[in-house]
Amino acid sequence: MISYRELSMEEAELIAQIDRSEYIEKVYRVEEGTVREIQAGHECAAWDEHHLEELKARYREQLRGGGYAYGAFDGSRLAGFGVLGYKFRGQDLNQLQVDLMYVSRAYRRQGIGRTIMNELKREAISRGAEYLYVSSTETQSAVHFYTHCGSRLTAEVDEELYQLEPEDIHMVIKL
């Protein structure tokens, strides 16, 4: 049985329990305001140590600033988690970013990601946000997930986030 709860700063180490691997059939690119589908056909491996340390640092940075982390557990094992950024974004400063969002391979398509997203939405609303900003990896699975959660391409790309990950698909979700 899956249980859910807020995560603490110290639980950044649990990210290592997430199996982010997946078969990537398609990826997307945004060109002139439209999304173009590209065949990929390759396996994405689990995290290497360097990438894992970067993710832990991002997690800690967001929580240090006042962000929010929420996780799903199968017993004591982290099955999925999401992190809501602390910094308001957008021209009207009415957007909070979904900075990290992962569900382990064995736990996907069970509603865990949607439950985590719903909690991040609830928390963002309680903080006064009107939108969630999503800088999604370009994979079909990620883009479809966020689309099913109500996202659409943003008309106002956050330049800071774009510079960090220019291949990402930048979207917003109206809260």
C-alpha atoms as a PDB file:
ATOM      1  CA  MET A   1       0.000   0.000   0.000  1.00  0.00           C
ATOM      2  CA  ILE A   2       1.333   3.432  -0.980  1.00  0.00           C
ATOM      3  CA  SER A   3       1.451   6.169   1.650  1.00  0.00           C
ATOM      4  CA  TYR A   4       2.115   9.878   1.078  1.00  0.00           C
ATOM      5  CA  ARG A   5       3.672  12.616   3.151  1.00  0.00           C
ATOM      6  CA  GLU A   6       5.712  15.785   3.122  1.00  0.00           C
ATOM      7  CA  LEU A   7       9.462  15.205   2.831  1.00  0.00           C
ATOM      8  CA  SER A   8      12.171  16.886   4.898  1.00  0.00           C
ATOM      9  CA  MET A   9      15.499  18.392   3.903  1.00  0.00           C
ATOM     10  CA  GLU A  10      17.341  15.369   5.315  1.00  0.00           C
ATOM     11  CA  GLU A  11      15.407  12.988   3.070  1.00  0.00           C
ATOM     12  CA  ALA A  12      17.220  14.189  -0.051  1.00  0.00           C
ATOM     13  CA  GLU A  13      19.284  11.008   0.239  1.00  0.00           C
ATOM     14  CA  LEU A  14      16.170   8.947  -0.528  1.00  0.00           C
ATOM     15  CA  ILE A  15      16.271  10.175  -4.139  1.00  0.00           C
ATOM     16  CA  ALA A  16      18.816   7.405  -4.749  1.00  0.00           C
ATOM     17  CA  GLN A  17      15.957   4.905  -4.310  1.00  0.00           C
ATOM     18  CA  ILE A  18      14.167   6.234  -7.408  1.00  0.00           C
ATOM     19  CA  ASP A  19      14.638   4.230 -10.611  1.00  0.00           C
ATOM     20  CA  ARG A  20      14.222   6.892 -13.263  1.00  0.00           C
ATOM     21  CA  SER A  21      15.057   4.492 -16.099  1.00  0.00           C
ATOM     22  CA  GLU A  22      12.641   4.143 -19.006  1.00  0.00           C
ATOM     23  CA  TYR A  23      12.410   3.242 -22.648  1.00  0.00           C
ATOM     24  CA  ILE A  24      12.082   6.488 -24.602  1.00  0.00           C
ATOM     25  CA  GLU A  25      10.078   5.904 -27.752  1.00  0.00           C
ATOM     26  CA  LYS A  26       9.646   9.574 -28.711  1.00  0.00           C
ATOM     27  CA  VAL A  27      10.873  13.004 -27.706  1.00  0.00           C
ATOM     28  CA  TYR A  28       9.472  16.437 -28.453  1.00  0.00           C
ATOM     29  CA  ARG A  29      10.906  19.755 -29.596  1.00  0.00           C
ATOM     30  CA  VAL A  30       9.186  23.127 -29.616  1.00  0.00           C
ATOM     31  CA  GLU A  31       9.644  24.944 -32.904  1.00  0.00           C
ATOM     32  CA  GLU A  32       7.884  28.236 -33.618  1.00  0.00           C
ATOM     33  CA  GLY A  33       5.337  27.667 -30.888  1.00  0.00           C
ATOM     34  CA  THR A  34       4.360  24.131 -31.863  1.00  0.00           C
ATOM     35  CA  VAL A  35       5.471  20.794 -30.530  1.00  0.00           C
ATOM     36  CA  ARG A  36       7.185  18.452 -32.998  1.00  0.00           C
ATOM     37  CA  GLU A  37       7.442  14.710 -32.322  1.00  0.00           C
ATOM     38  CA  ILE A  38      10.728  12.896 -33.019  1.00  0.00           C
ATOM     39  CA  GLN A  39      11.335   9.136 -32.896  1.00  0.00           C
ATOM     40  CA  ALA A  40      13.931   8.238 -30.286  1.00  0.00           C
ATOM     41  CA  GLY A  41      13.903   4.494 -29.541  1.00  0.00           C
ATOM     42  CA  HIS A  42      16.443   4.159 -26.766  1.00  0.00           C
ATOM     43  CA  GLU A  43      16.687   3.208 -23.109  1.00  0.00           C
ATOM     44  CA  CYS A  44      17.363   5.907 -20.522  1.00  0.00           C
ATOM     45  CA  ALA A  45      19.511   4.457 -17.768  1.00  0.00           C
ATOM     46  CA  ALA A  46      19.284   5.024 -14.033  1.00  0.00           C
ATOM     47  CA  TRP A  47      21.088   8.033 -12.594  1.00  0.00           C
ATOM     48  CA  ASP A  48      24.843   8.160 -12.512  1.00  0.00           C
ATOM     49  CA  GLU A  49      26.433   9.433  -9.295  1.00  0.00           C
ATOM     50  CA  HIS A  50      27.109  12.935 -10.663  1.00  0.00           C
ATOM     51  CA  HIS A  51      23.501  13.475 -11.805  1.00  0.00           C
ATOM     52  CA  LEU A  52      22.168  12.059  -8.557  1.00  0.00           C
ATOM     53  CA  GLU A  53      24.269  14.523  -6.535  1.00  0.00           C
ATOM     54  CA  GLU A  54      23.000  17.404  -8.707  1.00  0.00           C
ATOM     55  CA  LEU A  55      19.391  16.382  -8.031  1.00  0.00           C
ATOM     56  CA  LYS A  56      19.984  16.146  -4.290  1.00  0.00           C
ATOM     57  CA  ALA A  57      21.534  19.635  -4.357  1.00  0.00           C
ATOM     58  CA  ARG A  58      18.513  21.037  -6.265  1.00  0.00           C
ATOM     59  CA  TYR A  59      16.163  19.383  -3.786  1.00  0.00           C
ATOM     60  CA  ARG A  60      18.036  20.887  -0.825  1.00  0.00           C
ATOM     61  CA  GLU A  61      18.266  24.323  -2.466  1.00  0.00           C
ATOM     62  CA  GLN A  62      14.510  24.455  -3.013  1.00  0.00           C
ATOM     63  CA  LEU A  63      13.714  23.360   0.535  1.00  0.00           C
ATOM     64  CA  ARG A  64      16.283  25.748   2.034  1.00  0.00           C
ATOM     65  CA  GLY A  65      14.540  28.586   0.198  1.00  0.00           C
ATOM     66  CA  GLY A  66      11.120  27.551   1.487  1.00  0.00           C
ATOM     67  CA  GLY A  67      10.049  25.082  -1.214  1.00  0.00           C
ATOM     68  CA  TYR A  68       7.983  21.984  -0.568  1.00  0.00           C
ATOM     69  CA  ALA A  69       8.668  18.295  -1.208  1.00  0.00           C
ATOM     70  CA  TYR A  70       6.080  15.539  -1.179  1.00  0.00           C
ATOM     71  CA  GLY A  71       6.706  11.822  -1.516  1.00  0.00           C
ATOM     72  CA  ALA A  72       5.043   8.469  -2.060  1.00  0.00           C
ATOM     73  CA  PHE A  73       6.271   5.457  -0.117  1.00  0.00           C
ATOM     74  CA  ASP A  74       5.919   1.722  -0.468  1.00  0.00           C
ATOM     75  CA  GLY A  75       6.744   0.826   3.104  1.00  0.00           C
ATOM     76  CA  SER A  76      10.000   2.658   3.769  1.00  0.00           C
ATOM     77  CA  ARG A  77      10.973   2.828   0.078  1.00  0.00           C
ATOM     78  CA  LEU A  78      10.516   6.107  -1.814  1.00  0.00           C
ATOM     79  CA  ALA A  79       8.385   5.300  -4.876  1.00  0.00           C
ATOM     80  CA  GLY A  80       8.006   8.847  -6.179  1.00  0.00           C
ATOM     81  CA  PHE A  81       8.362  12.484  -5.214  1.00  0.00           C
ATOM     82  CA  GLY A  82       7.791  16.028  -6.381  1.00  0.00           C
ATOM     83  CA  VAL A  83       9.331  19.349  -5.364  1.00  0.00           C
ATOM     84  CA  LEU A  84       7.571  22.694  -5.558  1.00  0.00           C
ATOM     85  CA  GLY A  85      10.006  25.564  -5.962  1.00  0.00           C
ATOM     86  CA  TYR A  86       9.961  28.516  -3.593  1.00  0.00           C
ATOM     87  CA  LYS A  87      10.599  31.311  -6.111  1.00  0.00           C
ATOM     88  CA  PHE A  88       7.622  33.014  -7.738  1.00  0.00           C
ATOM     89  CA  ARG A  89       8.069  33.307 -11.497  1.00  0.00           C
ATOM     90  CA  GLY A  90       6.399  34.909 -14.495  1.00  0.00           C
ATOM     91  CA  GLN A  91       5.759  38.508 -15.448  1.00  0.00           C
ATOM     92  CA  ASP A  92       3.050  38.739 -12.779  1.00  0.00           C
ATOM     93  CA  LEU A  93       5.010  36.663 -10.227  1.00  0.00           C
ATOM     94  CA  ASN A  94       2.063  34.268  -9.994  1.00  0.00           C
ATOM     95  CA  GLN A  95       3.757  30.986 -10.924  1.00  0.00           C
ATOM     96  CA  LEU A  96       5.565  28.407  -8.816  1.00  0.00           C
ATOM     97  CA  GLN A  97       7.759  25.803 -10.487  1.00  0.00           C
ATOM     98  CA  VAL A  98       7.468  22.047 -10.296  1.00  0.00           C
ATOM     99  CA  ASP A  99      11.224  21.667  -9.993  1.00  0.00           C
ATOM    100  CA  LEU A 100      11.558  17.901  -9.598  1.00  0.00           C
ATOM    101  CA  MET A 101       9.044  15.144 -10.293  1.00  0.00           C
ATOM    102  CA  TYR A 102       9.918  11.460 -10.504  1.00  0.00           C
ATOM    103  CA  VAL A 103       8.155   8.140 -10.026  1.00  0.00           C
ATOM    104  CA  SER A 104      10.188   4.911 -10.021  1.00  0.00           C
ATOM    105  CA  ARG A 105       9.738   2.698 -13.044  1.00  0.00           C
ATOM    106  CA  ALA A 106       8.007  -0.108 -11.128  1.00  0.00           C
ATOM    107  CA  TYR A 107       5.416   2.305  -9.723  1.00  0.00           C
ATOM    108  CA  ARG A 108       4.396   4.231 -12.846  1.00  0.00           C
ATOM    109  CA  ARG A 109       0.836   4.233 -14.187  1.00  0.00           C
ATOM    110  CA  GLN A 110      -0.645   3.637 -10.737  1.00  0.00           C
ATOM    111  CA  GLY A 111      -1.801   7.195 -10.009  1.00  0.00           C
ATOM    112  CA  ILE A 112       1.197   8.077  -7.848  1.00  0.00           C
ATOM    113  CA  GLY A 113       2.397  10.913 -10.073  1.00  0.00           C
ATOM    114  CA  ARG A 114      -1.095  12.395 -10.289  1.00  0.00           C
ATOM    115  CA  THR A 115      -1.488  12.237  -6.496  1.00  0.00           C
ATOM    116  CA  ILE A 116       1.840  14.010  -6.026  1.00  0.00           C
ATOM    117  CA  MET A 117       0.917  16.649  -8.634  1.00  0.00           C
ATOM    118  CA  ASN A 118      -2.431  17.246  -6.952  1.00  0.00           C
ATOM    119  CA  GLU A 119      -0.624  17.866  -3.666  1.00  0.00           C
ATOM    120  CA  LEU A 120       1.847  20.255  -5.334  1.00  0.00           C
ATOM    121  CA  LYS A 121      -1.117  22.095  -6.878  1.00  0.00           C
ATOM    122  CA  ARG A 122      -2.824  22.327  -3.485  1.00  0.00           C
ATOM    123  CA  GLU A 123       0.345  23.659  -1.879  1.00  0.00           C
ATOM    124  CA  ALA A 124       0.940  26.175  -4.694  1.00  0.00           C
ATOM    125  CA  ILE A 125      -2.616  27.512  -4.333  1.00  0.00           C
ATOM    126  CA  SER A 126      -2.149  27.845  -0.566  1.00  0.00           C
ATOM    127  CA  ARG A 127       0.947  29.978  -1.269  1.00  0.00           C
ATOM    128  CA  GLY A 128      -0.968  32.263  -3.621  1.00  0.00           C
ATOM    129  CA  ALA A 129       0.153  30.893  -6.994  1.00  0.00           C
ATOM    130  CA  GLU A 130      -2.207  30.981  -9.963  1.00  0.00           C
ATOM    131  CA  TYR A 131      -0.111  28.669 -12.171  1.00  0.00           C
ATOM    132  CA  LEU A 132       2.423  25.910 -11.928  1.00  0.00           C
ATOM    133  CA  TYR A 133       5.403  26.349 -14.250  1.00  0.00           C
ATOM    134  CA  VAL A 134       6.715  23.060 -15.644  1.00  0.00           C
ATOM    135  CA  SER A 135      10.052  22.723 -17.414  1.00  0.00           C
ATOM    136  CA  SER A 136       9.530  19.138 -18.540  1.00  0.00           C
ATOM    137  CA  THR A 137      12.073  16.775 -19.979  1.00  0.00           C
ATOM    138  CA  GLU A 138      11.311  16.317 -23.643  1.00  0.00           C
ATOM    139  CA  THR A 139      10.338  12.654 -23.355  1.00  0.00           C
ATOM    140  CA  GLN A 140       6.936  11.447 -24.504  1.00  0.00           C
ATOM    141  CA  SER A 141       6.120  10.016 -21.081  1.00  0.00           C
ATOM    142  CA  ALA A 142       6.884  13.261 -19.233  1.00  0.00           C
ATOM    143  CA  VAL A 143       5.089  15.538 -21.709  1.00  0.00           C
ATOM    144  CA  HIS A 144       2.026  13.252 -21.754  1.00  0.00           C
ATOM    145  CA  PHE A 145       1.976  13.111 -17.963  1.00  0.00           C
ATOM    146  CA  TYR A 146       2.017  16.893 -17.569  1.00  0.00           C
ATOM    147  CA  THR A 147      -0.527  17.318 -20.359  1.00  0.00           C
ATOM    148  CA  HIS A 148      -2.877  14.912 -18.577  1.00  0.00           C
ATOM    149  CA  CYS A 149      -2.374  17.000 -15.435  1.00  0.00           C
ATOM    150  CA  GLY A 150      -3.659  20.062 -17.298  1.00  0.00           C
ATOM    151  CA  SER A 151      -0.524  21.662 -18.689  1.00  0.00           C
ATOM    152  CA  ARG A 152      -0.188  23.548 -21.949  1.00  0.00           C
ATOM    153  CA  LEU A 153       2.725  25.258 -23.677  1.00  0.00           C
ATOM    154  CA  THR A 154       3.515  28.563 -22.037  1.00  0.00           C
ATOM    155  CA  ALA A 155       3.437  31.781 -24.003  1.00  0.00           C
ATOM    156  CA  GLU A 156       5.980  33.215 -21.533  1.00  0.00           C
ATOM    157  CA  VAL A 157       9.073  31.015 -21.258  1.00  0.00           C
ATOM    158  CA  ASP A 158      11.058  31.634 -18.072  1.00  0.00           C
ATOM    159  CA  GLU A 159      14.467  32.689 -19.396  1.00  0.00           C
ATOM    160  CA  GLU A 160      16.404  31.439 -16.351  1.00  0.00           C
ATOM    161  CA  LEU A 161      14.888  27.957 -16.604  1.00  0.00           C
ATOM    162  CA  TYR A 162      15.243  27.911 -20.392  1.00  0.00           C
ATOM    163  CA  GLN A 163      18.978  28.658 -20.090  1.00  0.00           C
ATOM    164  CA  LEU A 164      19.366  25.784 -17.627  1.00  0.00           C
ATOM    165  CA  GLU A 165      17.506  23.258 -19.818  1.00  0.00           C
ATOM    166  CA  PRO A 166      16.876  24.574 -23.353  1.00  0.00           C
ATOM    167  CA  GLU A 167      15.655  21.188 -24.650  1.00  0.00           C
ATOM    168  CA  ASP A 168      12.854  21.054 -22.068  1.00  0.00           C
ATOM    169  CA  ILE A 169       9.227  21.622 -22.961  1.00  0.00           C
ATOM    170  CA  HIS A 170       8.084  24.703 -21.015  1.00  0.00           C
ATOM    171  CA  MET A 171       4.470  24.559 -19.879  1.00  0.00           C
ATOM    172  CA  VAL A 172       2.059  26.015 -17.350  1.00  0.00           C
ATOM    173  CA  ILE A 173      -0.866  24.564 -15.459  1.00  0.00           C
ATOM    174  CA  LYS A 174      -3.696  26.923 -14.462  1.00  0.00           C
ATOM    175  CA  LEU A 175      -4.580  26.401 -10.805  1.00  0.00           C
END
